[in-house]
N, C-alpha and C. Protein backbone atom coordinates (compact mmCIF):
# COMPACT_ATOMS: atom_id res chain seq x y z
N MET A 1 -44.66 -85.27 -13.81
CA MET A 1 -43.36 -84.97 -13.01
C MET A 1 -43.21 -83.50 -12.95
N ASN A 2 -42.62 -83.03 -11.76
CA ASN A 2 -42.42 -81.62 -11.88
C ASN A 2 -41.06 -81.32 -12.44
N ASP A 3 -40.74 -79.98 -12.48
CA ASP A 3 -39.66 -79.50 -13.31
C ASP A 3 -38.34 -79.70 -12.51
N THR A 4 -38.41 -79.87 -11.12
CA THR A 4 -37.16 -80.16 -10.33
C THR A 4 -36.96 -81.75 -10.54
N ALA A 5 -37.90 -82.64 -10.57
CA ALA A 5 -37.64 -84.13 -11.05
C ALA A 5 -36.80 -84.16 -12.39
N THR A 6 -37.61 -83.46 -13.25
CA THR A 6 -36.89 -83.69 -14.80
C THR A 6 -35.57 -83.03 -14.70
N SER A 7 -35.16 -82.09 -14.25
CA SER A 7 -33.75 -81.46 -13.96
C SER A 7 -32.89 -82.43 -13.36
N VAL A 8 -33.38 -83.26 -12.29
CA VAL A 8 -32.48 -84.16 -11.66
C VAL A 8 -32.31 -85.36 -12.66
N ASN A 9 -33.31 -85.63 -13.23
CA ASN A 9 -33.09 -86.75 -14.31
C ASN A 9 -32.26 -86.57 -15.44
N ASP A 10 -32.40 -85.20 -15.95
CA ASP A 10 -31.58 -84.74 -16.96
C ASP A 10 -30.01 -84.76 -16.54
N LEU A 11 -29.73 -84.30 -15.34
CA LEU A 11 -28.36 -84.26 -14.81
C LEU A 11 -27.88 -85.65 -14.60
N LYS A 12 -28.82 -86.61 -14.12
CA LYS A 12 -28.21 -87.93 -14.17
C LYS A 12 -27.88 -88.49 -15.41
N VAL A 13 -28.72 -88.31 -16.62
CA VAL A 13 -28.37 -88.65 -17.77
C VAL A 13 -27.15 -88.12 -18.26
N GLU A 14 -26.78 -86.81 -18.09
CA GLU A 14 -25.56 -86.07 -18.52
C GLU A 14 -24.32 -86.51 -17.65
N LEU A 15 -24.44 -86.88 -16.55
CA LEU A 15 -23.56 -87.60 -15.64
C LEU A 15 -23.24 -88.88 -16.28
N ASP A 16 -24.19 -89.76 -16.50
CA ASP A 16 -23.92 -91.13 -17.05
C ASP A 16 -23.27 -91.21 -18.41
N THR A 17 -23.51 -90.06 -19.12
CA THR A 17 -22.78 -89.86 -20.48
C THR A 17 -21.62 -89.60 -20.32
N ALA A 18 -21.16 -88.62 -19.34
CA ALA A 18 -19.96 -88.07 -19.16
C ALA A 18 -19.02 -89.18 -18.54
N LEU A 19 -19.67 -89.97 -17.60
CA LEU A 19 -18.70 -91.41 -16.94
C LEU A 19 -18.62 -92.17 -18.07
N GLN A 20 -19.47 -92.38 -18.96
CA GLN A 20 -19.08 -93.29 -20.05
C GLN A 20 -17.92 -92.98 -21.09
N LYS A 21 -18.11 -91.68 -21.24
CA LYS A 21 -16.74 -91.06 -22.09
C LYS A 21 -15.41 -91.22 -21.35
N VAL A 22 -15.52 -90.92 -19.91
CA VAL A 22 -14.37 -90.99 -19.04
C VAL A 22 -13.79 -92.54 -19.19
N GLU A 23 -14.76 -93.38 -18.92
CA GLU A 23 -14.44 -94.88 -19.04
C GLU A 23 -13.94 -95.29 -20.34
N ALA A 24 -14.55 -94.81 -21.51
CA ALA A 24 -14.01 -95.07 -22.78
C ALA A 24 -12.42 -94.50 -22.84
N ALA A 25 -12.51 -93.16 -22.68
CA ALA A 25 -11.14 -92.71 -22.65
C ALA A 25 -10.02 -93.32 -22.01
N ASN A 26 -10.45 -93.74 -20.70
CA ASN A 26 -9.44 -94.58 -19.84
C ASN A 26 -9.02 -95.86 -20.64
N ALA A 27 -10.06 -96.65 -20.97
CA ALA A 27 -9.67 -97.71 -21.70
C ALA A 27 -8.89 -97.55 -23.00
N GLN A 28 -9.01 -96.47 -23.61
CA GLN A 28 -8.16 -96.23 -24.91
C GLN A 28 -6.86 -95.87 -24.46
N TYR A 29 -6.67 -95.19 -23.26
CA TYR A 29 -5.46 -94.50 -22.78
C TYR A 29 -4.62 -96.08 -22.31
N GLU A 30 -5.30 -96.89 -21.55
CA GLU A 30 -4.53 -98.06 -21.34
C GLU A 30 -4.27 -98.90 -22.33
N LYS A 31 -4.89 -98.98 -23.59
CA LYS A 31 -4.55 -99.69 -24.64
C LYS A 31 -3.44 -98.95 -25.42
N LYS A 32 -3.17 -97.71 -25.35
CA LYS A 32 -2.09 -97.11 -25.83
C LYS A 32 -0.91 -97.38 -25.10
N CYS A 33 -1.03 -97.33 -23.66
CA CYS A 33 0.00 -97.69 -23.05
C CYS A 33 0.73 -98.87 -23.21
N ILE A 34 -0.28 -99.89 -23.35
CA ILE A 34 0.27 -101.30 -23.59
C ILE A 34 0.94 -101.37 -25.21
N GLU A 35 0.31 -100.74 -26.19
CA GLU A 35 1.04 -100.62 -27.37
C GLU A 35 2.18 -99.94 -27.43
N ASN A 36 2.42 -98.75 -26.70
CA ASN A 36 3.68 -98.16 -26.38
C ASN A 36 4.70 -99.08 -25.66
N GLU A 37 4.35 -99.70 -24.84
CA GLU A 37 5.37 -100.55 -24.07
C GLU A 37 5.76 -101.53 -25.14
N MET A 38 4.93 -102.30 -25.99
CA MET A 38 5.15 -103.37 -26.93
C MET A 38 6.07 -102.66 -28.04
N MET A 39 5.88 -101.41 -28.39
CA MET A 39 6.63 -100.76 -29.36
C MET A 39 8.17 -100.61 -28.78
N ARG A 40 8.26 -100.23 -27.68
CA ARG A 40 9.44 -100.25 -27.10
C ARG A 40 10.21 -101.41 -27.00
N LYS A 41 9.73 -102.56 -26.72
CA LYS A 41 10.38 -103.74 -26.63
C LYS A 41 10.52 -104.28 -27.97
N MET A 42 9.89 -104.03 -29.04
CA MET A 42 9.90 -104.50 -30.19
C MET A 42 10.87 -103.73 -31.14
N ALA A 43 11.30 -102.51 -30.80
CA ALA A 43 12.04 -101.59 -31.51
C ALA A 43 13.44 -102.14 -31.71
N THR A 44 13.96 -102.93 -30.69
CA THR A 44 15.43 -103.50 -30.84
C THR A 44 15.19 -105.05 -31.38
N ILE A 45 16.33 -105.39 -31.92
CA ILE A 45 16.41 -106.97 -32.19
C ILE A 45 16.47 -107.64 -30.84
N GLY A 46 17.00 -107.33 -30.09
CA GLY A 46 16.91 -108.20 -28.87
C GLY A 46 15.57 -108.26 -27.98
N GLY A 47 14.92 -106.97 -28.19
CA GLY A 47 13.46 -107.02 -27.72
C GLY A 47 12.57 -107.76 -28.42
N PHE A 48 12.57 -107.67 -29.74
CA PHE A 48 12.04 -108.39 -30.74
C PHE A 48 12.01 -109.98 -30.44
N TYR A 49 13.22 -110.29 -30.30
CA TYR A 49 13.62 -111.80 -29.95
C TYR A 49 13.05 -112.14 -28.71
N GLN A 50 13.06 -111.36 -27.77
CA GLN A 50 12.32 -111.64 -26.44
C GLN A 50 10.99 -111.88 -26.59
N VAL A 51 10.43 -111.07 -27.28
CA VAL A 51 8.89 -111.05 -27.47
C VAL A 51 8.54 -112.56 -28.49
N TYR A 52 9.34 -112.74 -28.97
CA TYR A 52 9.35 -114.17 -29.99
C TYR A 52 9.28 -115.26 -29.03
N ILE A 53 10.41 -115.28 -28.19
CA ILE A 53 10.61 -116.24 -27.14
C ILE A 53 9.36 -116.46 -26.26
N ASP A 54 8.86 -115.29 -25.91
CA ASP A 54 7.80 -115.32 -24.99
C ASP A 54 6.45 -115.87 -25.63
N GLU A 55 6.33 -115.45 -26.68
CA GLU A 55 5.26 -116.06 -27.70
C GLU A 55 5.33 -117.70 -27.81
N ILE A 56 6.47 -118.09 -28.06
CA ILE A 56 6.79 -119.54 -28.10
C ILE A 56 6.46 -120.27 -26.83
N LYS A 57 6.75 -119.51 -25.89
CA LYS A 57 6.58 -120.20 -24.53
C LYS A 57 4.96 -120.37 -24.17
N THR A 58 4.12 -119.65 -24.67
CA THR A 58 2.68 -119.64 -24.56
C THR A 58 2.34 -121.06 -24.94
N GLN A 59 2.97 -121.82 -26.06
CA GLN A 59 2.69 -122.95 -26.60
C GLN A 59 1.27 -122.88 -27.38
N LYS A 60 0.98 -121.64 -27.98
CA LYS A 60 -0.41 -121.58 -28.54
C LYS A 60 -0.01 -121.87 -30.12
N HIS A 61 1.30 -122.15 -30.59
CA HIS A 61 1.46 -122.27 -31.72
C HIS A 61 2.18 -123.66 -32.04
N LYS A 62 1.82 -124.26 -33.21
CA LYS A 62 2.44 -125.64 -33.38
C LYS A 62 3.83 -125.57 -33.85
N TYR A 63 4.12 -124.51 -34.77
CA TYR A 63 5.44 -124.33 -35.18
C TYR A 63 5.95 -122.88 -34.69
N ASN A 64 7.38 -122.74 -34.72
CA ASN A 64 7.86 -121.47 -34.30
C ASN A 64 7.81 -120.39 -35.43
N VAL A 65 7.58 -120.71 -36.63
CA VAL A 65 7.31 -119.83 -37.56
C VAL A 65 6.08 -119.03 -37.40
N ASP A 66 5.22 -119.86 -36.98
CA ASP A 66 3.67 -119.03 -36.63
C ASP A 66 3.90 -118.09 -35.58
N ALA A 67 4.70 -118.51 -34.46
CA ALA A 67 4.88 -117.49 -33.45
C ALA A 67 5.55 -116.24 -33.98
N PHE A 68 6.59 -116.40 -34.82
CA PHE A 68 7.36 -115.45 -35.49
C PHE A 68 6.20 -114.62 -36.41
N ASN A 69 5.43 -115.30 -37.41
CA ASN A 69 4.49 -114.57 -38.14
C ASN A 69 3.74 -113.64 -37.29
N LYS A 70 2.96 -114.02 -36.09
CA LYS A 70 2.31 -113.36 -35.19
C LYS A 70 2.88 -112.07 -34.86
N ILE A 71 4.22 -112.22 -34.37
CA ILE A 71 4.95 -111.24 -33.74
C ILE A 71 5.13 -110.11 -34.91
N ASN A 72 5.66 -110.58 -35.95
CA ASN A 72 5.91 -109.69 -37.32
C ASN A 72 4.66 -108.99 -37.56
N ASP A 73 3.48 -109.76 -37.39
CA ASP A 73 2.17 -109.08 -37.85
C ASP A 73 1.88 -107.82 -36.97
N THR A 74 2.14 -108.09 -35.58
CA THR A 74 1.96 -107.32 -34.60
C THR A 74 2.81 -106.01 -34.72
N TYR A 75 4.16 -106.30 -35.04
CA TYR A 75 5.13 -105.15 -35.37
C TYR A 75 4.51 -104.17 -36.47
N CYS A 76 4.17 -104.99 -37.32
CA CYS A 76 3.58 -104.23 -38.73
C CYS A 76 2.24 -103.34 -38.23
N ASP A 77 1.48 -104.04 -37.39
CA ASP A 77 0.42 -103.27 -36.98
C ASP A 77 0.77 -101.92 -36.13
N LEU A 78 1.85 -101.99 -35.35
CA LEU A 78 2.42 -100.88 -34.65
C LEU A 78 3.28 -99.95 -35.43
N PHE A 79 4.06 -100.44 -36.47
CA PHE A 79 5.10 -99.54 -37.01
C PHE A 79 4.62 -99.25 -38.44
N GLY A 80 3.60 -99.89 -39.03
CA GLY A 80 3.27 -99.66 -40.41
C GLY A 80 4.16 -100.55 -41.53
N GLU A 81 4.97 -101.41 -40.83
CA GLU A 81 5.78 -102.05 -41.88
C GLU A 81 6.34 -103.31 -41.20
N TYR A 82 6.62 -104.29 -41.95
CA TYR A 82 7.18 -105.45 -41.20
C TYR A 82 8.70 -105.15 -40.78
N ARG A 83 9.08 -105.96 -39.77
CA ARG A 83 10.48 -105.77 -39.39
C ARG A 83 11.32 -106.71 -40.10
N TYR A 84 10.90 -107.80 -40.38
CA TYR A 84 11.60 -109.00 -41.20
C TYR A 84 10.68 -109.39 -42.38
N SER A 85 11.34 -109.70 -43.50
CA SER A 85 10.64 -110.06 -44.64
C SER A 85 10.26 -111.61 -44.60
N SER A 86 10.89 -112.46 -43.72
CA SER A 86 10.50 -113.76 -43.62
C SER A 86 11.35 -114.19 -42.35
N HIS A 87 10.85 -115.53 -41.79
CA HIS A 87 11.23 -116.04 -40.64
C HIS A 87 12.85 -116.33 -40.81
N ASP A 88 13.37 -116.75 -42.02
CA ASP A 88 14.62 -117.13 -42.39
C ASP A 88 15.49 -115.78 -42.12
N SER A 89 15.07 -114.70 -42.81
CA SER A 89 15.84 -113.49 -42.45
C SER A 89 15.89 -113.03 -41.09
N PHE A 90 14.80 -113.44 -40.38
CA PHE A 90 14.81 -113.08 -38.86
C PHE A 90 15.92 -113.92 -38.13
N ILE A 91 16.10 -115.29 -38.36
CA ILE A 91 17.00 -116.16 -37.87
C ILE A 91 18.18 -115.80 -38.17
N LYS A 92 18.40 -115.32 -39.29
CA LYS A 92 19.89 -114.88 -39.85
C LYS A 92 20.28 -113.76 -38.98
N SER A 93 19.28 -112.87 -38.77
CA SER A 93 19.66 -111.60 -38.09
C SER A 93 19.89 -111.79 -36.65
N ILE A 94 19.20 -112.79 -35.91
CA ILE A 94 19.45 -113.18 -34.66
C ILE A 94 20.82 -113.84 -34.48
N ARG A 95 21.23 -114.55 -35.47
CA ARG A 95 22.62 -115.23 -35.45
C ARG A 95 23.52 -114.30 -35.27
N ARG A 96 23.43 -113.30 -36.24
CA ARG A 96 24.58 -112.25 -36.21
C ARG A 96 24.33 -111.61 -35.00
N TYR A 97 23.18 -111.24 -34.49
CA TYR A 97 23.07 -110.41 -33.22
C TYR A 97 23.72 -111.26 -32.03
N PHE A 98 23.63 -112.47 -32.01
CA PHE A 98 24.30 -112.95 -30.66
C PHE A 98 25.81 -113.54 -30.98
N LYS A 99 26.28 -113.41 -32.30
CA LYS A 99 27.53 -113.50 -32.39
C LYS A 99 28.34 -112.35 -32.11
N LYS A 100 27.80 -111.18 -32.21
CA LYS A 100 28.56 -110.01 -31.87
C LYS A 100 28.71 -110.13 -30.22
N LYS A 101 27.76 -110.67 -29.55
CA LYS A 101 27.71 -110.64 -28.01
C LYS A 101 28.76 -111.43 -27.49
């Protein structure tokens, strides 16, 4: 192979590497956007409740408490702490929230 062909191949490799880095950065950006949107939703009592209801509607859980645990775990992953100590404390909070409305 001559020097020109080697240079072209080297440029192709560099371009492929750069493209992979851009694609990885885009994927990470999209993931962060989704996490950010979820954080905004879950930051309020009403938003947390809506995410909980949406999770129940998926019918992936046999019991509502399982849906709650999944949402509360997601909250902990995003914020570094659980929003509610238990399903019971969540239900009490929701009752107070809706009484005020």
